[in-house]
Protein backbone atom coordinates (compact mmCIF):
# COMPACT_ATOMS: atom_id res chain seq x y z
CA MET A 1 8.96 38.14 3.66
CA LYS A 2 5.57 36.81 1.00
CA MET A 3 3.69 33.36 -0.44
CA GLY A 4 4.15 33.92 -4.26
CA SER A 5 0.70 34.07 -5.86
CA VAL A 6 1.61 30.65 -7.76
CA ALA A 7 2.65 28.68 -4.29
CA ARG A 8 -0.72 30.48 -2.71
CA LYS A 9 -2.66 28.59 -5.51
CA ARG A 10 -1.02 25.36 -5.45
CA LEU A 11 -1.78 25.72 -1.50
CA VAL A 12 -5.27 26.25 -1.96
CA PHE A 13 -5.04 22.91 -4.98
CA SER A 14 -3.03 20.91 -2.18
CA LEU A 15 -5.86 21.54 0.62
CA PHE A 16 -8.85 20.88 -2.22
CA LEU A 17 -6.53 17.20 -3.06
CA CYS A 18 -6.16 16.63 1.15
CA VAL A 19 -10.22 17.02 1.54
CA CYS A 20 -10.76 14.91 -2.07
CA SER A 21 -8.49 12.13 -0.33
CA VAL A 22 -10.53 12.25 2.42
CA PHE A 23 -14.24 11.37 0.72
CA ILE A 24 -12.33 9.04 -1.80
CA MET A 25 -11.97 6.93 1.80
CA ARG A 26 -15.04 7.82 3.49
CA GLY A 27 -16.63 6.77 0.12
CA GLN A 28 -15.09 3.33 0.68
CA LYS A 29 -18.45 1.09 1.33
CA THR A 30 -18.14 -2.83 2.22
CA ASP A 31 -18.66 -3.96 -0.92
CA ALA A 32 -15.51 -1.89 -2.47
CA LEU A 33 -12.36 -4.22 -2.93
CA GLY A 34 -8.80 -2.39 -2.59
CA THR A 35 -7.59 -6.21 -3.95
CA TYR A 36 -8.98 -9.32 -5.17
CA THR A 37 -6.64 -12.29 -4.40
CA PRO A 38 -7.25 -15.42 -2.76
CA TYR A 39 -5.02 -14.56 0.06
CA SER A 40 -6.61 -11.54 1.48
CA LEU A 41 -8.55 -14.42 3.26
CA TYR A 42 -5.28 -15.05 5.30
CA GLY A 43 -4.16 -12.23 8.30
CA LEU A 44 -4.68 -8.72 7.68
CA GLY A 45 -4.90 -9.59 3.91
CA GLN A 46 -2.99 -8.98 1.17
CA LEU A 47 0.10 -6.18 2.08
CA SER A 48 -0.46 -2.59 -0.15
CA ASP A 49 2.47 -1.92 -2.08
CA ALA A 50 4.24 1.02 -0.13
CA GLY A 51 5.96 4.11 -1.43
CA THR A 52 4.40 6.36 -4.54
CA SER A 53 5.43 5.74 -8.38
CA TYR A 54 8.96 7.05 -8.20
CA ASN A 55 9.00 4.22 -5.46
CA MET A 56 7.21 1.32 -7.80
CA SER A 57 8.40 2.10 -10.75
CA MET A 58 11.86 1.20 -9.25
CA GLY A 59 10.86 -2.10 -7.65
CA GLY A 60 9.44 -0.72 -4.61
CA ILE A 61 12.90 0.84 -3.79
CA GLY A 62 13.60 3.99 -1.60
CA ILE A 63 15.07 2.95 2.16
CA GLY A 64 18.70 4.18 0.83
CA MET A 65 17.05 6.96 -1.65
CA ARG A 66 17.57 11.09 -1.28
CA ASP A 67 16.16 12.79 -4.56
CA ASN A 68 14.79 16.67 -3.55
CA ARG A 69 12.42 16.58 -6.26
CA ILE A 70 10.19 13.38 -5.28
CA ILE A 71 8.40 12.95 -1.79
CA ASN A 72 9.74 9.69 -0.92
CA TYR A 73 8.28 8.88 3.01
CA LEU A 74 9.30 5.20 3.00
CA ASN A 75 12.64 5.84 4.89
CA PRO A 76 11.68 9.13 7.48
CA ALA A 77 14.97 10.90 7.39
CA ALA A 78 14.96 11.44 3.52
CA VAL A 79 12.64 13.96 4.04
CA THR A 80 15.02 16.37 4.69
CA ALA A 81 16.36 15.86 1.16
CA ARG A 82 14.73 18.62 -0.02
CA ASP A 83 15.88 22.42 -1.51
CA THR A 84 14.94 24.85 0.63
CA LEU A 85 11.75 26.60 1.14
CA SER A 86 9.79 24.49 -0.77
CA PHE A 87 7.18 22.52 -0.23
CA MET A 88 5.71 19.67 -1.87
CA LEU A 89 2.50 17.34 -2.89
CA ASP A 90 1.72 14.36 -3.91
CA PHE A 91 -1.11 12.66 -4.90
CA GLY A 92 -1.41 9.03 -6.69
CA ILE A 93 -4.09 6.48 -7.35
CA ALA A 94 -4.06 2.85 -8.52
CA GLN A 95 -5.17 0.47 -11.06
CA LYS A 96 -5.09 -3.43 -10.47
CA ASN A 97 -5.55 -5.89 -12.82
CA MET A 98 -5.71 -9.95 -11.34
CA TYR A 99 -6.08 -13.01 -12.72
CA ASN A 100 -6.43 -16.00 -10.67
CA TYR A 101 -6.05 -20.06 -12.12
CA ASP A 102 -6.05 -22.80 -8.77
CA GLY A 103 -5.73 -25.04 -12.06
CA LYS A 104 -9.66 -25.24 -11.94
CA ASN A 105 -11.13 -22.24 -12.05
CA ARG A 106 -10.35 -19.02 -13.35
CA SER A 107 -11.26 -15.73 -12.39
CA ALA A 108 -10.28 -11.96 -13.52
CA TYR A 109 -10.77 -8.33 -11.37
CA ASN A 110 -10.08 -5.02 -11.72
CA VAL A 111 -10.01 -2.55 -8.61
CA PHE A 112 -9.67 1.14 -8.88
CA ASN A 113 -8.64 3.59 -5.38
CA MET A 114 -6.61 5.80 -4.48
CA GLN A 115 -2.36 5.45 -3.53
CA ASN A 116 -1.17 7.57 -1.51
CA PHE A 117 -1.42 11.61 -0.37
CA ALA A 118 1.72 13.26 0.77
CA PHE A 119 2.63 16.72 2.00
CA THR A 120 6.09 17.83 2.89
CA ALA A 121 7.34 21.26 3.78
CA PRO A 122 10.47 23.07 5.41
CA ILE A 123 10.23 23.17 9.28
CA TYR A 124 13.88 25.81 10.26
CA LYS A 125 16.93 25.39 8.21
CA SER A 126 17.83 21.63 7.08
CA SER A 127 14.51 20.43 8.94
CA ALA A 128 10.97 19.27 7.48
CA PHE A 129 7.69 17.66 7.84
CA VAL A 130 6.22 15.16 6.23
CA ILE A 131 1.87 14.24 6.82
CA GLY A 132 -0.10 11.73 4.47
CA ILE A 133 -2.06 8.65 4.03
CA ALA A 134 -1.47 5.21 2.24
CA PRO A 135 -3.42 2.19 2.08
CA PHE A 136 -1.57 -0.54 4.29
CA SER A 137 -3.58 -4.09 3.54
CA ASP A 138 -6.95 -4.95 1.92
CA VAL A 139 -9.06 -7.93 1.63
CA GLY A 140 -11.10 -8.70 -1.10
CA TYR A 141 -11.52 -12.47 -1.97
CA LYS A 142 -14.53 -14.98 -2.69
CA PHE A 143 -15.04 -18.76 -3.07
CA LEU A 144 -18.32 -20.07 -4.28
CA GLU A 145 -19.04 -24.44 -4.12
CA ILE A 146 -22.12 -25.34 -5.27
CA GLU A 147 -22.84 -29.17 -3.36
CA ASP A 148 -22.45 -32.14 -4.97
CA SER A 149 -23.96 -34.96 -2.58
CA ASP A 150 -26.75 -36.48 -4.30
CA ALA A 151 -28.04 -37.25 -1.27
CA ILE A 152 -27.73 -33.12 0.00
CA VAL A 153 -29.02 -31.98 -2.98
CA GLY A 154 -32.19 -35.10 -3.76
CA GLU A 155 -33.55 -33.44 0.03
CA LEU A 156 -32.70 -29.80 -0.12
CA GLY A 157 -31.68 -28.93 -3.81
CA ASP A 158 -29.34 -26.56 -5.15
CA VAL A 159 -27.33 -25.31 -1.68
CA LYS A 160 -24.58 -23.28 -2.65
CA TYR A 161 -21.22 -21.89 -0.49
CA GLN A 162 -20.15 -18.44 -0.40
CA LYS A 163 -17.14 -16.92 1.28
CA TYR A 164 -15.95 -13.54 0.43
CA GLY A 165 -14.42 -10.67 2.31
CA THR A 166 -14.06 -6.95 1.86
CA GLY A 167 -12.20 -4.10 3.54
CA SER A 168 -9.17 -2.30 3.84
CA LEU A 169 -6.61 -0.95 6.10
CA TYR A 170 -4.82 2.69 5.98
CA GLN A 171 -2.07 4.83 7.96
CA LEU A 172 -2.16 7.77 8.20
CA PHE A 173 1.66 9.50 8.99
CA PHE A 174 3.36 12.63 10.48
CA GLY A 175 6.74 12.80 10.84
CA ALA A 176 9.66 15.10 10.70
CA GLY A 177 13.72 14.42 9.92
CA VAL A 178 17.00 16.72 10.84
CA THR A 179 20.19 16.28 8.80
CA PHE A 180 23.38 16.96 10.71
CA TRP A 181 26.94 17.73 9.01
CA ASP A 182 25.26 17.91 5.35
CA ARG A 183 25.77 14.30 5.54
CA LEU A 184 23.55 12.47 9.02
CA SER A 185 19.75 13.13 8.59
CA ILE A 186 17.48 11.09 11.01
CA GLY A 187 13.54 11.51 10.57
CA ALA A 188 10.66 9.91 12.56
CA GLN A 189 6.85 9.16 11.87
CA MET A 190 4.15 8.47 14.10
CA LEU A 191 1.95 5.83 11.90
CA TYR A 192 -2.18 5.61 13.09
CA TYR A 193 -3.88 2.48 12.06
CA PHE A 194 -7.21 2.20 11.02
CA GLY A 195 -10.21 0.97 8.96
CA TYR A 196 -12.51 -2.16 8.62
CA ILE A 197 -12.15 -6.13 7.28
CA ASP A 198 -15.52 -7.72 6.63
CA ARG A 199 -15.74 -11.77 6.33
CA HIS A 200 -18.63 -12.89 5.03
CA SER A 201 -20.21 -17.32 5.14
CA ASP A 202 -22.90 -18.29 3.25
CA ILE A 203 -25.21 -20.55 3.07
CA LEU A 204 -27.92 -20.64 0.04
CA PHE A 205 -30.46 -22.47 -0.52
CA ASN A 206 -31.47 -21.35 -4.15
CA SER A 207 -34.64 -23.82 -4.90
CA SER A 208 -35.54 -25.13 -1.80
CA VAL A 209 -38.66 -22.66 0.43
CA SER A 210 -38.51 -24.37 2.70
CA ASN A 211 -34.74 -23.28 4.23
CA ASN A 212 -33.86 -20.28 5.04
CA THR A 213 -30.45 -19.18 3.34
CA ILE A 214 -28.01 -18.39 6.39
CA TYR A 215 -25.89 -15.74 6.81
CA THR A 216 -22.54 -15.52 8.91
CA GLY A 217 -19.97 -13.22 9.40
CA TRP A 218 -17.63 -11.09 11.42
CA LYS A 219 -16.91 -7.22 11.21
CA TYR A 220 -14.20 -5.90 12.27
CA LYS A 221 -13.21 -1.87 13.07
CA VAL A 222 -10.07 -1.53 14.17
CA HIS A 223 -7.07 0.90 15.18
CA SER A 224 -3.61 1.55 16.55
CA PHE A 225 -0.97 3.86 17.21
CA SER A 226 2.75 2.66 16.32
CA GLY A 227 5.66 4.29 15.23
CA LYS A 228 8.91 3.83 12.15
CA PHE A 229 12.54 5.62 12.56
CA GLY A 230 14.89 6.20 10.07
CA ILE A 231 18.35 7.19 9.25
CA GLN A 232 20.44 7.61 5.97
CA TYR A 233 24.19 9.02 5.69
CA SER A 234 24.92 10.48 2.33
CA GLN A 235 28.90 10.04 1.22
CA PRO A 236 29.36 12.87 -1.60
CA PHE A 237 32.37 11.73 -4.19
CA LYS A 238 34.18 13.81 -7.14
CA ASN A 239 31.96 14.51 -10.22
CA ASN A 240 28.88 14.48 -9.18
CA GLY A 241 28.44 10.94 -7.27
CA GLU A 242 27.05 10.23 -4.14
CA LEU A 243 26.79 7.00 -2.05
CA VAL A 244 23.17 6.91 0.26
CA ILE A 245 23.18 3.77 3.34
CA GLY A 246 20.12 3.69 4.94
CA ALA A 247 18.10 2.14 7.46
CA THR A 248 14.16 1.91 9.24
CA TYR A 249 12.42 0.41 11.71
CA ARG A 250 8.93 0.38 11.97
CA MET A 251 7.47 -1.16 15.85
CA GLY A 252 5.24 -3.82 15.76
CA ASN A 253 1.58 -3.37 17.43
CA SER A 254 -1.56 -5.08 18.06
CA LEU A 255 -4.66 -3.57 16.48
CA LYS A 256 -7.67 -2.45 19.16
CA GLY A 257 -11.36 -2.44 18.65
CA ASP A 258 -14.10 -4.53 17.78
CA VAL A 259 -15.44 -7.41 16.45
CA PHE A 260 -19.37 -7.73 15.54
CA ARG A 261 -19.85 -12.07 14.84
CA TYR A 262 -23.64 -12.22 13.79
CA ALA A 263 -25.38 -14.98 12.17
CA MET A 264 -28.58 -14.48 10.24
CA SER A 265 -31.52 -15.93 8.21
CA GLN A 266 -33.91 -15.52 5.61
CA SER A 267 -36.71 -17.36 4.21
CA GLN A 268 -36.73 -17.23 0.30
CA SER A 269 -40.35 -16.43 0.29
CA SER A 270 -39.64 -13.38 2.86
CA THR A 271 -37.95 -9.91 2.41
CA VAL A 272 -37.22 -9.84 6.20
CA VAL A 273 -34.47 -10.80 7.87
CA ASP A 274 -34.65 -12.63 11.27
CA THR A 275 -31.30 -12.30 13.25
CA VAL A 276 -30.24 -15.24 15.36
CA LEU A 277 -27.11 -14.27 16.72
CA PHE A 278 -25.04 -10.73 17.41
CA GLN A 279 -22.05 -10.21 19.42
CA THR A 280 -19.45 -7.62 20.14
CA LYS A 281 -15.89 -8.25 21.26
CA ASN A 282 -13.32 -5.94 22.10
CA ASP A 283 -10.74 -7.79 23.08
CA ILE A 284 -9.54 -8.82 19.67
CA ARG A 285 -6.10 -9.15 18.47
CA LEU A 286 -5.06 -8.36 15.11
CA ASP A 287 -0.94 -7.90 15.45
CA ILE A 288 1.18 -5.84 12.88
CA ALA A 289 4.51 -7.34 13.23
CA ASP A 290 7.81 -5.24 13.01
CA GLU A 291 10.21 -4.31 10.49
CA PHE A 292 14.02 -3.61 9.29
CA GLY A 293 14.99 -2.41 6.43
CA VAL A 294 18.17 -1.97 5.48
CA GLY A 295 18.97 0.46 1.37
CA LEU A 296 21.93 1.38 -0.39
CA SER A 297 22.15 3.61 -3.69
CA TYR A 298 24.62 5.63 -5.83
CA ARG A 299 23.74 8.60 -7.80
CA LYS A 300 25.18 10.21 -10.71
CA LYS A 301 23.64 14.19 -10.04
CA ASP A 302 20.82 14.61 -12.69
CA LYS A 303 21.88 11.90 -14.49
CA TRP A 304 21.31 8.34 -13.26
CA SER A 305 20.92 6.31 -10.05
CA VAL A 306 20.80 3.02 -8.39
CA GLY A 307 19.47 1.30 -5.40
CA VAL A 308 18.86 -1.82 -3.70
CA ASP A 309 16.16 -2.35 -0.64
CA PHE A 310 15.92 -5.66 1.54
CA ILE A 311 12.82 -5.49 4.12
CA GLN A 312 12.47 -8.46 6.79
CA GLN A 313 9.07 -8.28 9.17
CA ASN A 314 8.68 -10.78 12.12
CA TRP A 315 5.20 -11.81 11.61
CA HIS A 316 5.93 -15.71 12.87
CA ASN A 317 4.71 -14.08 16.46
CA SER A 318 1.50 -12.65 15.36
CA VAL A 319 -1.38 -13.45 16.87
CA PHE A 320 -4.75 -13.36 14.49
CA ASN A 321 -7.84 -14.63 16.72
CA ASP A 322 -11.07 -15.18 15.54
CA TYR A 323 -9.71 -17.11 12.49
CA SER A 324 -10.45 -20.84 13.25
CA ASP A 325 -12.22 -21.68 10.31
CA VAL A 326 -8.48 -21.00 8.25
CA ILE A 327 -6.48 -23.87 10.42
CA ASN A 328 -3.95 -24.05 7.85
CA PHE A 329 -2.87 -20.29 7.77
CA THR A 330 0.75 -19.94 9.53
CA PRO A 331 2.53 -16.72 10.67
CA ALA A 332 5.55 -15.87 8.75
CA THR A 333 8.78 -14.53 8.53
CA ALA A 334 8.59 -11.77 5.96
CA ARG A 335 11.25 -11.19 3.39
CA TYR A 336 11.41 -8.16 0.40
CA TYR A 337 14.35 -7.85 -1.81
CA LYS A 338 13.90 -5.04 -4.22
CA ALA A 339 16.82 -3.46 -6.95
CA GLY A 340 15.82 -0.82 -9.55
CA PHE A 341 17.58 2.02 -11.05
CA GLU A 342 16.27 5.26 -12.82
CA ILE A 343 18.30 7.36 -16.01
CA THR A 344 17.41 11.20 -17.01
CA PRO A 345 19.05 11.42 -20.51
CA ASN A 346 19.74 15.42 -20.36
CA ARG A 347 17.36 17.59 -17.72
CA TYR A 348 18.43 20.65 -19.04
CA ASP A 349 17.73 19.81 -22.71
CA VAL A 350 15.81 22.57 -24.49
CA ARG A 351 14.84 21.13 -28.11
CA TYR A 352 13.47 17.90 -26.92
CA TYR A 353 11.15 17.17 -24.12
CA MET A 354 11.57 13.34 -24.25
CA LYS A 355 15.15 13.91 -23.20
CA ARG A 356 14.56 15.99 -19.82
CA VAL A 357 12.02 12.58 -19.00
CA THR A 358 13.65 10.83 -16.73
CA TYR A 359 12.65 6.60 -16.95
CA ARG A 360 13.14 3.86 -14.28
CA ALA A 361 13.04 -0.04 -13.91
CA GLY A 362 12.92 -2.01 -11.46
CA ALA A 363 12.68 -5.88 -9.92
CA TYR A 364 11.52 -7.80 -6.74
CA PHE A 365 11.42 -10.61 -5.05
CA GLU A 366 8.86 -10.82 -1.93
CA GLN A 367 8.44 -14.14 0.71
CA SER A 368 5.13 -13.33 2.00
CA TYR A 369 3.66 -13.15 5.66
CA ILE A 370 1.53 -16.21 4.37
CA SER A 371 2.25 -19.49 4.93
CA LEU A 372 -0.18 -22.34 4.11
CA ASN A 373 0.42 -26.02 4.70
CA GLY A 374 3.97 -25.21 5.56
CA HIS A 375 4.63 -23.65 1.95
CA GLN A 376 5.22 -20.02 2.05
CA ILE A 377 3.49 -17.51 -0.17
CA ASN A 378 6.22 -15.90 -2.97
CA SER A 379 5.48 -13.62 -5.36
CA PHE A 380 8.06 -11.76 -8.05
CA GLY A 381 8.03 -8.87 -11.30
CA ILE A 382 9.05 -6.16 -12.87
CA THR A 383 8.42 -2.13 -13.03
CA LEU A 384 8.48 -0.12 -15.06
CA GLY A 385 7.72 3.62 -15.15
CA ALA A 386 8.85 7.43 -15.86
CA THR A 387 8.67 11.11 -14.39
CA PHE A 388 7.35 13.46 -17.29
CA PRO A 389 7.87 16.60 -15.89
CA ILE A 390 5.18 19.30 -16.50
CA LEU A 391 6.77 23.37 -16.40
CA ARG A 392 8.42 25.25 -14.21
CA LEU A 393 10.33 23.30 -11.29
CA TYR A 394 10.14 19.85 -10.56
CA ASN A 395 6.51 19.48 -11.03
CA GLY A 396 5.91 16.28 -12.82
CA VAL A 397 3.86 13.49 -13.71
CA THR A 398 5.16 9.80 -12.82
CA PHE A 399 3.86 6.48 -13.79
CA ALA A 400 4.55 3.05 -13.42
CA VAL A 401 3.44 -0.38 -13.55
CA ASN A 402 3.88 -3.33 -11.91
CA MET A 403 3.97 -7.31 -13.72
CA GLY A 404 4.48 -9.91 -11.85
CA GLN A 405 2.79 -13.18 -10.72
CA ARG A 406 1.85 -14.36 -6.82
CA GLY A 407 1.57 -18.15 -5.25
CA THR A 408 2.18 -21.28 -7.62
CA LEU A 409 0.12 -23.97 -8.76
CA LYS A 410 1.64 -26.47 -6.41
CA HIS A 411 0.75 -27.68 -3.55
CA ASN A 412 -2.62 -27.02 -4.25
CA LEU A 413 -2.55 -23.64 -4.19
CA ALA A 414 -3.45 -20.73 -6.60
CA ARG A 415 -1.36 -18.33 -9.13
CA GLU A 416 -2.32 -15.10 -9.39
CA ARG A 417 -0.45 -12.60 -12.42
CA TYR A 418 -1.38 -9.49 -12.51
CA VAL A 419 -0.62 -5.89 -13.68
CA ASN A 420 -0.53 -3.10 -11.84
CA PHE A 421 -0.46 0.29 -12.97
CA MET A 422 -0.07 3.59 -11.03
CA ILE A 423 -0.09 7.11 -11.57
CA ASN A 424 1.28 10.07 -8.81
CA PHE A 425 1.29 13.85 -9.03
CA ASN A 426 4.32 16.03 -8.31
CA LEU A 427 3.43 19.09 -7.28
CA HIS A 428 6.78 21.95 -6.44
CA ASP A 429 6.91 25.56 -5.59
CA ILE A 430 8.67 28.00 -3.27
CA TRP A 431 7.19 28.03 0.18
CA PHE A 432 7.73 32.02 0.18
CA VAL A 433 9.09 34.59 -2.02
CA LYS A 434 11.26 37.65 -1.06
CA TYR A 435 10.36 40.44 -3.85
CA ARG A 436 13.24 42.55 -4.51
CA TYR A 437 10.28 44.86 -6.38
CA ASP A 438 7.60 45.79 -5.10
């Protein structure tokens, strides 16, 4: 058995992308944002969209989806949906455009970041493994309030209160799955969470040289292990139809690590920063909720498929200590309702390229884990996308766009509208090739 020359080249390219993804992550500084939304002030920030462009273009579904052309790591059992001896690699990037309005002020922000990296290959016969990395949550916000009290302005001059936060949590996953009797698949993933969250609160005296600017904040450096389990059952029908039922469970856990509490002051007439307080605590508690999901899909081979997912995350018992300045925040039970479909006019058409393209669409409604003054923050939207095949086998480029709204102008909250773009590069080849002739 020998590895084909094309496979060798693509394996080298796979390792190159893996190294690049590590450098991208190591290059994330504290002033780089993975999102920009006022709701990332709370808890662990805004939870990232799970999955690749394949999942996102169909409303985010994936628990009940099986496709041998695409890596679907949302259900650990789906890794066994593959051709024998084939390996696949998927690398994605995302660009987010957010427009916020609180009834008085408007703001807009664009961010660009890695979405995911995943690699999968067979182990033995009907078993396979997957390894990858993806963002879990992002923090990115900035509030600026100008003091309008005549008494304070008259004594201290121009005073501004500033709050801002940055940071991201990532999840590294390694999983494997196996299929029994060609219908029942089970899988498991080991998850490792890690990352930084920085939260700052400053008082700026811009016109008074007798008062020092005050910088205070918290810097969280966290990590933790967890696990995720999945199952799928496939029921074939006549005329190449297939019904798939899937379920997943992710274990809840508490993030470990350190929190650095600091307070500093700086005179307007000096570049020297005086440290007033610097404390390190290692008894922090930031919880990640357990998650249960179910999914259902029906596929007509090489033609079309449709599916729905339901996910529930039990955040209501989660604890986020050191959040004394956000007393209006209460963790709630999050629920996600997702639906999507895809269609390929003619996968084997040799004359018209656009007939070989797979087109997708979906919709979703989410009740987030953030509840402010008793009002849960919800979001809804529609998604569109397509996979454009390249060269032979299942190589392609997948695009997805997610258009939606989060929050509301009611109850003194903020409304966020967003248009997010995602692109994934899908590489596929045969792992080993046995040549008949040398």
